[in-house]
Amino acid sequence: MTVQKTFGLAALGFSVSLGIVLLSGLGDRAVTIAQSVPSPTPSVSPLPSQSSTPYVPTSDAVISGTLKLAGVTRDDVVYDLGSGDGGLIIAAVKDYGARRGAGVDVDAGLVQLSNENAQKAGVSDRAQFVRQDRFQTDLRDATVVNLNLPPDVSLKLRPTLLSDLKPGTRIVSRTASLGDWKPDKTIAVAGTPSQTLYYWVVPTKIAGDWQGRIEYAPGRNQPYTFRFTQQFQQVKGDVIADGKKYNIPNIVLTGDRLTFNRTETIQGQQGAVQFNGRVEGDTLKGTAGVRWGILARNFAIVAKRSNRAAK
């Protein structure tokens, strides 16, 4: 009589039948593992000649803290909504090498001053400023957005930020102004007074069902369904396999990157699964690395979106 003991993606929430065939036979039988930047378009709507909020210059410490928190590099296109005298955008392209920067403000005098400052700094080819309604600003090419706006205005912009910005776009603000969309990070910037900066990463839309099929041994495979719910970057999930549902713990969604891990003791042996993947449109691709004692195997995971969760 041959006994097969399987482990693998049970730790992931899959059933044991999804795992690796680890033991074949009894006693001392061998253990084997199967291997197998355009600038913003000026608004046509009337704008006030001055912002309703008195202008206060942004300190160098806050500018530096914002750009470091956002991780600005040469690959970035940086937008500053409420750009004031242009200091943040000019620093982004001059000191951090950003590919392009765009500043938006409703104050005509500040926009003129910003363009003059960019000219003096020698970066006017990569840093432009326009007088424009921030609600009419096309942000689709942005990779970093700074919100230097009153909290109520930032909150009204939230639907646009979530719908128009690409997953992975970074947002920084000096106020926790996006309602129940909680920041991914906060940092304190030294000064008098000290300043807190808030940081978000735009999450991809992952809520709903995702279906796939995993080959756990040559010629043998198992269908499964991931089921995710989502509150911005906070994700909960289950996997359904072989008619059973298992919780997936420790889910982290950062932009379009999804990770989760689980440990579980099976047949007295500690096992672990680490999943790393990426959402590409309606496909979730990644690798589930399974470890059980000295034994290990990586499974390719490809799941297709079968339906979106209702909003």
Foldseek 3Di string as FASTA:
>chain_A
DKDWFADCCVQQQADRVAGWGFDIGDDPPDGDTAADDDEWDADPDDFDQDDPDDDDDDDPLVLVVQCVVQVQALDFEEEEEQCFQVPNQLCSCPVRVHVAYEYEAQHPVSQVNNCVVCVVSVNNVRYHYDYHDPLRTQCQRGQEYEYADPLVVVCVCVVVCQPRYAFFRKYKYQDQRNPPPAFPDKDWGVDVHITIMGMHTRADADAAKWKDWWDNHVPDIWIKIWHWDDDGQDIWIWMATPNDIGTFPDWGTGRFKIWGKGWDADPNWIKMWIWIWGDDPQKIWTWIWIDTPPDIHIITDIIGGPDHDDD
